[in-house]
């Protein structure tokens, strides 16, 4: 269920968002390319190249772009007035330092204001969304929820010039090969005539339009729903963008009618080692273990499912299905996937998450996540890399340590686990 398809993973937001805020900003976690499953630490500020050398880099890039089929006139127009952007590098360097807990993220992702705006968007574009759902066999609430989290239903599509951002990141060199590839793809989009450089705007990391596609994803999966000869995900008309998001989910294996997940109750004495993404069971098998929905009824059989405890055993538990992994291909952060799924459910009138969260907990800082991994390694539970990312390998290491200390083995990388390691 954890197939990774998209080359962009996203870590938790750094901005504080109150639950009652108006949905006028994106809750999309900041973009970070995945070059490996572990590694990729930000370098020190002293490693930043700065503007010196950017002009020479652009000159050298011209020949590489030409080898990839980019015409000189396209590159000249795209790079007219483009300069090194230090603000992009600053945001790239700082994105990993602080994270939000899953419940803090969901407070904003599924706030009353965002749910209300989502219902209004669903009603306003009902005919369009129904046609898109019928064509791609992708449930419309998933498309609307992605739209809501990526660009606040089109109100926050990003204002950074994409060519400038990608060129700056490609020149910077930390992930130069990745961003140079995205830059070539962005120039290919311009060469194809889908938009022009002035309208190609997006996030500081190059994600574009209503549904925040990276250029590579655009070339592979964006569609011309309106039939005007352009795949225009930037315009005020969201049709191409919404259809593109549906096509993205469809190509990554969406099953219409299957939930992303269902909030469940776990019985007293539950074996928390079973709450593992690698362990899948049919609904009847989970039922035999005492797992029910929040009403105490068996969860309908929607196919193989695993259990997810994003806030540990003291938080909400979810039975997740294959569509969880499909959303995950759009953005690998669990908080984002739950946010999309839950917002979509709420837009259709579904209930709020019923379980309490351990709100006394706070998210670990980058330094604390690194320390956690180092200490786990030191006591024989190797997370297979010291990168500050709490992925499946670190969760497995935490679980192993918890079992060794007669703690509840939920794999939750909390401050309590770090303090116990200390």
Protein backbone atom coordinates (compact mmCIF):
# COMPACT_ATOMS: atom_id res chain seq x y z
CA UNK A 1 0.00 0.00 0.00
CA UNK A 2 2.97 2.34 0.23
CA UNK A 3 4.00 2.60 -3.42
CA UNK A 4 5.58 6.00 -3.96
CA UNK A 5 4.91 7.49 -7.41
CA UNK A 6 5.29 11.23 -7.18
CA UNK A 7 8.75 12.76 -6.81
CA UNK A 8 7.58 15.37 -4.32
CA UNK A 9 7.04 14.57 -0.66
CA UNK A 10 5.82 17.20 1.71
CA UNK A 11 6.58 17.78 5.33
CA UNK A 12 4.33 19.46 7.86
CA UNK A 13 3.40 23.11 7.66
CA UNK A 14 5.41 25.68 9.58
CA UNK A 15 2.76 28.39 9.75
CA UNK A 16 0.37 28.51 12.69
CA UNK A 17 -3.26 28.26 11.64
CA UNK A 18 -6.13 28.77 14.05
CA UNK A 19 -9.05 26.41 13.78
CA UNK A 20 -11.51 29.15 12.95
CA UNK A 21 -9.39 30.85 10.30
CA UNK A 22 -10.90 31.65 6.93
CA UNK A 23 -9.64 29.22 4.25
CA UNK A 24 -7.63 31.84 2.36
CA UNK A 25 -4.27 30.12 2.54
CA UNK A 26 -3.01 26.75 1.44
CA UNK A 27 -2.51 24.12 4.15
CA UNK A 28 -0.26 22.17 1.84
CA UNK A 29 2.85 21.06 3.71
CA UNK A 30 5.99 22.57 2.23
CA UNK A 31 7.47 20.82 -0.79
CA UNK A 32 10.62 18.76 -0.41
CA UNK A 33 11.92 16.48 -3.14
CA UNK A 34 12.64 12.94 -2.08
CA UNK A 35 16.01 11.77 -3.33
CA UNK A 36 16.13 8.75 -1.05
CA UNK A 37 14.11 7.25 1.76
CA UNK A 38 16.60 8.58 4.28
CA UNK A 39 19.05 11.45 4.24
CA UNK A 40 18.70 14.94 2.71
CA UNK A 41 19.51 17.17 5.68
CA UNK A 42 19.60 20.92 5.09
CA UNK A 43 23.14 22.29 4.99
CA UNK A 44 24.27 25.21 7.09
CA UNK A 45 23.64 28.74 5.89
CA UNK A 46 27.35 28.99 5.09
CA UNK A 47 26.77 26.43 2.32
CA UNK A 48 24.35 28.68 0.46
CA UNK A 49 25.92 29.78 -2.82
CA UNK A 50 24.41 33.24 -2.99
CA UNK A 51 23.89 35.26 -6.18
CA UNK A 52 27.52 35.21 -7.35
CA UNK A 53 27.78 32.75 -10.17
CA UNK A 54 24.08 32.60 -11.02
CA UNK A 55 24.56 34.35 -14.38
CA UNK A 56 27.34 31.92 -15.29
CA UNK A 57 25.12 29.01 -14.26
CA UNK A 58 22.32 30.25 -16.52
CA UNK A 59 24.77 30.50 -19.42
CA UNK A 60 25.90 26.91 -18.88
CA UNK A 61 22.31 25.75 -18.43
CA UNK A 62 21.42 27.03 -21.90
CA UNK A 63 23.36 24.26 -23.59
CA UNK A 64 21.86 21.60 -21.33
CA UNK A 65 18.38 22.94 -22.06
CA UNK A 66 19.07 22.89 -25.78
CA UNK A 67 20.11 19.24 -25.51
CA UNK A 68 16.70 18.57 -23.99
CA UNK A 69 14.95 20.21 -26.93
CA UNK A 70 14.27 23.66 -25.48
CA UNK A 71 14.39 26.35 -28.17
CA UNK A 72 16.51 29.45 -27.66
CA UNK A 73 13.53 31.80 -28.09
CA UNK A 74 11.59 29.95 -25.39
CA UNK A 75 14.50 30.10 -22.96
CA UNK A 76 15.19 33.77 -23.74
CA UNK A 77 11.58 34.74 -23.06
CA UNK A 78 11.35 32.63 -19.93
CA UNK A 79 14.59 33.97 -18.41
CA UNK A 80 13.98 37.60 -19.27
CA UNK A 81 14.56 39.51 -16.04
CA UNK A 82 15.10 36.33 -13.99
CA UNK A 83 17.47 36.80 -11.06
CA UNK A 84 18.63 34.69 -8.14
CA UNK A 85 15.96 34.70 -5.39
CA UNK A 86 17.44 34.48 -1.89
CA UNK A 87 13.97 34.21 -0.34
CA UNK A 88 13.47 30.84 -2.04
CA UNK A 89 16.71 29.50 -0.57
CA UNK A 90 15.79 30.78 2.88
CA UNK A 91 12.46 28.97 2.75
CA UNK A 92 14.12 25.82 1.46
CA UNK A 93 16.63 25.83 4.29
CA UNK A 94 14.07 26.49 7.02
CA UNK A 95 11.23 24.20 5.99
CA UNK A 96 12.20 21.24 8.15
CA UNK A 97 12.90 23.01 11.42
CA UNK A 98 9.42 22.96 12.91
CA UNK A 99 6.42 20.75 12.29
CA UNK A 100 2.82 20.63 13.43
CA UNK A 101 1.18 17.72 15.16
CA UNK A 102 -1.42 15.89 13.11
CA UNK A 103 -4.26 17.35 15.19
CA UNK A 104 -2.97 20.89 14.78
CA UNK A 105 -2.83 20.33 11.04
CA UNK A 106 -6.35 18.86 10.97
CA UNK A 107 -7.70 21.75 13.05
CA UNK A 108 -6.98 23.92 10.02
CA UNK A 109 -7.40 21.41 7.20
CA UNK A 110 -10.93 20.55 8.34
CA UNK A 111 -11.85 23.79 10.09
CA UNK A 112 -15.47 24.91 10.07
CA UNK A 113 -14.58 27.66 7.61
CA UNK A 114 -12.84 25.28 5.22
CA UNK A 115 -15.68 22.76 5.39
CA UNK A 116 -18.18 25.53 4.66
CA UNK A 117 -16.11 26.77 1.72
CA UNK A 118 -15.80 23.19 0.44
CA UNK A 119 -19.56 22.68 0.51
CA UNK A 120 -20.00 25.95 -1.36
CA UNK A 121 -17.40 24.92 -3.95
CA UNK A 122 -19.07 21.53 -4.37
CA UNK A 123 -22.43 23.21 -4.95
CA UNK A 124 -21.10 25.93 -7.25
CA UNK A 125 -19.28 23.46 -9.50
CA UNK A 126 -21.69 20.54 -9.05
CA UNK A 127 -22.24 19.84 -12.76
CA UNK A 128 -18.55 20.09 -13.64
CA UNK A 129 -17.47 17.91 -10.72
CA UNK A 130 -20.08 15.28 -11.52
CA UNK A 131 -18.91 15.08 -15.12
CA UNK A 132 -15.31 14.77 -13.97
CA UNK A 133 -16.29 12.04 -11.48
CA UNK A 134 -18.18 10.13 -14.15
CA UNK A 135 -15.30 10.40 -16.62
CA UNK A 136 -12.43 9.44 -14.31
CA UNK A 137 -14.28 7.30 -11.75
CA UNK A 138 -12.81 9.40 -8.96
CA UNK A 139 -15.09 10.56 -6.16
CA UNK A 140 -15.67 14.29 -6.45
CA UNK A 141 -15.20 15.00 -2.74
CA UNK A 142 -11.58 13.83 -3.00
CA UNK A 143 -10.95 16.26 -5.86
CA UNK A 144 -12.62 19.11 -3.97
CA UNK A 145 -10.65 18.34 -0.80
CA UNK A 146 -7.34 18.37 -2.68
CA UNK A 147 -8.36 21.69 -4.20
CA UNK A 148 -9.20 22.98 -0.74
CA UNK A 149 -5.90 21.99 0.83
CA UNK A 150 -3.66 22.86 -2.11
CA UNK A 151 -4.96 26.35 -2.90
CA UNK A 152 -7.91 27.07 -0.58
CA UNK A 153 -10.30 26.42 -3.47
CA UNK A 154 -8.28 28.55 -5.86
CA UNK A 155 -7.84 31.62 -3.67
CA UNK A 156 -4.15 30.98 -2.96
CA UNK A 157 -2.49 29.58 -6.09
CA UNK A 158 0.95 31.00 -5.36
CA UNK A 159 2.52 34.17 -6.71
CA UNK A 160 6.18 33.25 -7.16
CA UNK A 161 7.48 33.13 -10.76
CA UNK A 162 8.07 29.43 -11.30
CA UNK A 163 11.05 29.81 -13.63
CA UNK A 164 12.85 32.08 -11.15
CA UNK A 165 12.19 29.72 -8.24
CA UNK A 166 13.25 26.57 -10.08
CA UNK A 167 16.33 28.21 -11.57
CA UNK A 168 17.41 29.43 -8.13
CA UNK A 169 16.93 25.97 -6.60
CA UNK A 170 18.66 24.24 -9.51
CA UNK A 171 21.65 26.58 -9.28
CA UNK A 172 21.83 26.25 -5.49
CA UNK A 173 22.95 22.66 -5.99
CA UNK A 174 21.67 20.90 -2.87
CA UNK A 175 19.07 19.14 -5.00
CA UNK A 176 20.18 20.67 -8.24
CA UNK A 177 19.56 17.66 -10.47
CA UNK A 178 15.96 17.35 -9.31
CA UNK A 179 15.14 21.03 -9.71
CA UNK A 180 16.97 21.31 -13.02
CA UNK A 181 14.76 18.51 -14.28
CA UNK A 182 11.69 20.39 -13.06
CA UNK A 183 13.01 23.54 -14.74
CA UNK A 184 13.38 21.72 -18.07
CA UNK A 185 9.83 20.42 -17.67
CA UNK A 186 8.56 23.95 -16.91
CA UNK A 187 10.26 25.25 -20.05
CA UNK A 188 8.70 22.38 -22.01
CA UNK A 189 5.27 23.49 -20.74
CA UNK A 190 5.99 27.01 -22.02
CA UNK A 191 7.25 25.64 -25.32
CA UNK A 192 4.06 23.59 -25.69
CA UNK A 193 2.00 26.77 -25.28
CA UNK A 194 -0.06 25.78 -22.24
CA UNK A 195 0.75 29.13 -20.62
CA UNK A 196 3.41 31.84 -20.70
CA UNK A 197 6.12 32.72 -18.22
CA UNK A 198 4.20 35.69 -16.84
CA UNK A 199 1.27 33.48 -15.86
CA UNK A 200 3.37 30.50 -14.74
CA UNK A 201 3.30 31.28 -11.05
CA UNK A 202 3.11 29.05 -8.02
CA UNK A 203 4.77 28.15 -4.75
CA UNK A 204 8.37 28.95 -3.89
CA UNK A 205 9.26 25.34 -4.81
CA UNK A 206 7.56 25.40 -8.21
CA UNK A 207 4.17 23.81 -7.46
CA UNK A 208 1.59 25.41 -9.72
CA UNK A 209 -2.04 26.34 -10.05
CA UNK A 210 -5.27 25.35 -8.32
CA UNK A 211 -4.00 21.85 -7.56
CA UNK A 212 -0.29 22.67 -7.16
CA UNK A 213 1.21 20.36 -9.76
CA UNK A 214 4.96 20.22 -10.12
CA UNK A 215 6.04 20.59 -13.78
CA UNK A 216 6.86 16.89 -14.16
CA UNK A 217 3.44 15.91 -12.86
CA UNK A 218 1.83 18.46 -15.15
CA UNK A 219 3.51 17.00 -18.24
CA UNK A 220 2.48 13.48 -17.26
CA UNK A 221 -1.03 13.96 -15.92
CA UNK A 222 -2.53 17.39 -16.56
CA UNK A 223 -5.45 17.40 -19.01
CA UNK A 224 -7.26 19.87 -21.27
CA UNK A 225 -10.79 19.39 -19.95
CA UNK A 226 -12.20 22.54 -21.60
CA UNK A 227 -10.91 21.56 -25.05
CA UNK A 228 -9.27 24.92 -25.81
CA UNK A 229 -5.92 23.35 -26.66
CA UNK A 230 -4.27 24.31 -23.38
CA UNK A 231 -3.90 22.51 -20.08
CA UNK A 232 -4.53 25.65 -18.05
CA UNK A 233 -4.34 24.96 -14.32
CA UNK A 234 -3.57 28.61 -13.52
CA UNK A 235 -6.66 30.48 -14.75
CA UNK A 236 -9.66 31.50 -12.69
CA UNK A 237 -11.62 28.69 -14.35
CA UNK A 238 -10.66 25.60 -12.30
CA UNK A 239 -11.96 23.03 -14.81
CA UNK A 240 -8.61 21.88 -16.24
CA UNK A 241 -7.04 21.79 -12.77
CA UNK A 242 -9.84 19.77 -11.18
CA UNK A 243 -9.92 17.30 -14.05
CA UNK A 244 -6.13 17.03 -13.85
CA UNK A 245 -6.33 16.18 -10.14
CA UNK A 246 -8.94 13.52 -10.90
CA UNK A 247 -6.77 12.11 -13.67
CA UNK A 248 -3.82 12.07 -11.28
CA UNK A 249 -5.77 10.02 -8.74
CA UNK A 250 -7.18 7.74 -11.42
CA UNK A 251 -3.75 7.00 -12.90
CA UNK A 252 -2.47 6.19 -9.43
CA UNK A 253 -5.16 3.59 -8.85
CA UNK A 254 -8.19 5.28 -7.28
CA UNK A 255 -11.13 2.97 -6.49
CA UNK A 256 -14.42 4.81 -6.70
CA UNK A 257 -16.61 4.34 -3.66
CA UNK A 258 -13.83 3.03 -1.46
CA UNK A 259 -13.14 5.20 1.61
CA UNK A 260 -9.66 6.48 2.25
CA UNK A 261 -10.09 5.29 5.82
CA UNK A 262 -12.56 4.85 8.64
CA UNK A 263 -12.10 5.96 12.24
CA UNK A 264 -12.18 2.86 14.44
CA UNK A 265 -12.24 1.73 18.06
CA UNK A 266 -9.58 -0.67 19.27
CA UNK A 267 -10.48 -3.12 22.04
CA UNK A 268 -8.87 -3.19 25.47
CA UNK A 269 -5.70 -5.23 25.38
CA UNK A 270 -5.23 -4.70 21.65
CA UNK A 271 -1.87 -5.82 20.25
CA UNK A 272 -0.49 -2.51 19.02
CA UNK A 273 2.23 -4.20 17.00
CA UNK A 274 -0.57 -4.91 14.52
CA UNK A 275 -0.97 -1.18 13.87
CA UNK A 276 1.60 -1.31 11.11
CA UNK A 277 1.26 -0.19 7.50
CA UNK A 278 2.87 -3.43 6.38
CA UNK A 279 0.19 -5.55 8.07
CA UNK A 280 -3.02 -5.80 6.04
CA UNK A 281 -6.13 -7.75 6.90
CA UNK A 282 -9.65 -8.06 5.55
CA UNK A 283 -12.42 -6.36 7.47
CA UNK A 284 -13.70 -9.65 8.86
CA UNK A 285 -10.25 -10.42 10.24
CA UNK A 286 -10.06 -7.04 11.98
CA UNK A 287 -13.57 -7.63 13.28
CA UNK A 288 -12.44 -10.91 14.80
CA UNK A 289 -9.76 -8.97 16.68
CA UNK A 290 -12.38 -6.62 18.13
CA UNK A 291 -11.83 -3.66 15.82
CA UNK A 292 -15.09 -1.79 15.11
CA UNK A 293 -16.25 1.52 13.74
CA UNK A 294 -17.01 4.29 16.21
CA UNK A 295 -20.58 3.01 16.64
CA UNK A 296 -19.36 -0.44 17.65
CA UNK A 297 -20.34 -2.03 14.34
CA UNK A 298 -18.06 -3.99 12.01
CA UNK A 299 -16.33 -1.91 9.34
CA UNK A 300 -17.70 -2.90 5.91
CA UNK A 301 -15.25 -4.86 3.79
CA UNK A 302 -13.63 -2.42 1.38
CA UNK A 303 -10.62 -4.61 0.65
CA UNK A 304 -7.31 -5.15 2.46
CA UNK A 305 -6.80 -2.62 5.24
CA UNK A 306 -4.17 -1.67 7.77
CA UNK A 307 -4.34 0.36 10.97
CA UNK A 308 -2.84 3.82 11.41
CA UNK A 309 -2.24 5.58 14.74
CA UNK A 310 -0.98 9.06 13.73
CA UNK A 311 -1.13 10.32 17.33
CA UNK A 312 -0.12 7.10 19.05
CA UNK A 313 -2.38 4.87 21.09
CA UNK A 314 -3.86 7.87 22.94
CA UNK A 315 -5.12 9.44 19.70
CA UNK A 316 -7.51 8.52 16.92
CA UNK A 317 -7.12 5.19 15.13
CA UNK A 318 -7.97 4.68 11.47
CA UNK A 319 -8.52 1.63 9.32
CA UNK A 320 -7.03 2.71 5.99
CA UNK A 321 -7.57 1.32 2.53
CA UNK A 322 -5.84 1.47 -0.84
CA UNK A 323 -7.22 4.93 -1.60
CA UNK A 324 -5.13 6.21 1.32
CA UNK A 325 -2.04 5.24 -0.68
CA UNK A 326 -3.45 6.88 -3.80
CA UNK A 327 -3.78 10.22 -1.98
CA UNK A 328 -0.33 9.55 -0.55
CA UNK A 329 1.09 9.55 -4.08
CA UNK A 330 0.01 13.21 -4.24
CA UNK A 331 1.70 14.00 -0.93
CA UNK A 332 3.34 11.47 1.36
CA UNK A 333 2.66 13.24 4.67
CA UNK A 334 0.14 11.24 6.73
CA UNK A 335 -1.38 14.47 8.04
CA UNK A 336 -2.05 15.63 4.49
CA UNK A 337 -3.62 12.33 3.44
CA UNK A 338 -5.88 12.28 6.50
CA UNK A 339 -6.64 15.96 5.87
CA UNK A 340 -7.77 15.32 2.31
CA UNK A 341 -9.80 12.27 3.25
CA UNK A 342 -11.41 13.80 6.31
CA UNK A 343 -12.15 17.14 4.63
CA UNK A 344 -13.83 15.27 1.78
CA UNK A 345 -15.93 13.30 4.26
CA UNK A 346 -16.95 16.47 6.12
CA UNK A 347 -17.86 18.24 2.87
CA UNK A 348 -20.32 15.40 2.23
CA UNK A 349 -21.75 15.79 5.74
CA UNK A 350 -19.71 13.15 7.56
CA UNK A 351 -18.87 13.40 11.26
CA UNK A 352 -15.86 15.00 12.89
CA UNK A 353 -13.11 12.76 14.24
CA UNK A 354 -14.53 11.49 17.53
CA UNK A 355 -11.50 10.32 19.48
CA UNK A 356 -9.48 12.72 21.58
CA UNK A 357 -5.91 13.60 20.65
CA UNK A 358 -3.00 13.83 23.09
CA UNK A 359 -3.02 17.60 22.84
CA UNK A 360 -0.57 17.95 25.68
CA UNK A 361 2.06 16.58 23.31
CA UNK A 362 3.96 18.82 20.95
CA UNK A 363 5.77 18.03 17.74
CA UNK A 364 9.49 17.32 18.00
CA UNK A 365 11.85 19.88 16.50
CA UNK A 366 14.32 18.86 13.82
CA UNK A 367 17.13 18.66 16.40
CA UNK A 368 14.96 16.46 18.62
CA UNK A 369 14.04 14.16 15.74
CA UNK A 370 17.71 13.77 14.92
CA UNK A 371 18.51 13.10 18.56
CA UNK A 372 15.73 10.51 18.73
CA UNK A 373 17.19 8.65 15.76
CA UNK A 374 20.72 8.84 17.12
CA UNK A 375 19.67 7.52 20.52
CA UNK A 376 17.61 4.73 18.96
CA UNK A 377 20.66 3.72 16.96
CA UNK A 378 22.86 3.83 20.05
CA UNK A 379 20.62 1.40 21.95
CA UNK A 380 20.38 -1.09 19.09
CA UNK A 381 17.23 0.01 17.26
CA UNK A 382 18.65 1.35 14.02
CA UNK A 383 16.34 3.69 12.05
CA UNK A 384 18.62 3.11 9.02
CA UNK A 385 19.55 6.75 8.66
CA UNK A 386 19.83 9.99 10.59
CA UNK A 387 17.75 12.47 8.65
CA UNK A 388 15.18 13.90 11.07
CA UNK A 389 12.31 12.35 9.11
CA UNK A 390 9.87 10.14 10.99
CA UNK A 391 9.22 7.56 8.30
CA UNK A 392 8.45 3.83 8.41
CA UNK A 393 11.99 2.84 9.43
CA UNK A 394 12.07 5.24 12.37
CA UNK A 395 8.57 4.18 13.43
CA UNK A 396 9.71 0.54 13.39
CA UNK A 397 12.76 1.46 15.48
CA UNK A 398 10.58 3.34 17.99
CA UNK A 399 8.24 0.35 18.21
CA UNK A 400 11.13 -2.01 18.86
CA UNK A 401 12.46 0.23 21.61
CA UNK A 402 9.00 0.53 23.18
CA UNK A 403 8.62 -3.24 23.27
CA UNK A 404 12.00 -3.57 24.96
CA UNK A 405 10.88 -1.18 27.70
CA UNK A 406 7.35 -2.60 28.20
CA UNK A 407 5.86 0.60 26.74
CA UNK A 408 2.81 0.50 24.47
CA UNK A 409 4.41 -0.38 21.10
CA UNK A 410 2.50 2.12 18.96
CA UNK A 411 5.57 3.45 17.12
CA UNK A 412 4.67 7.02 18.04
CA UNK A 413 7.78 9.21 18.06
CA UNK A 414 6.83 11.40 21.00
CA UNK A 415 8.73 13.56 23.45
CA UNK A 416 8.03 10.87 26.06
CA UNK A 417 9.94 8.32 23.99
CA UNK A 418 12.80 10.75 23.53
CA UNK A 419 12.92 11.47 27.27
CA UNK A 420 12.94 7.74 28.00
CA UNK A 421 15.87 7.34 25.62
CA UNK A 422 17.64 10.17 27.39
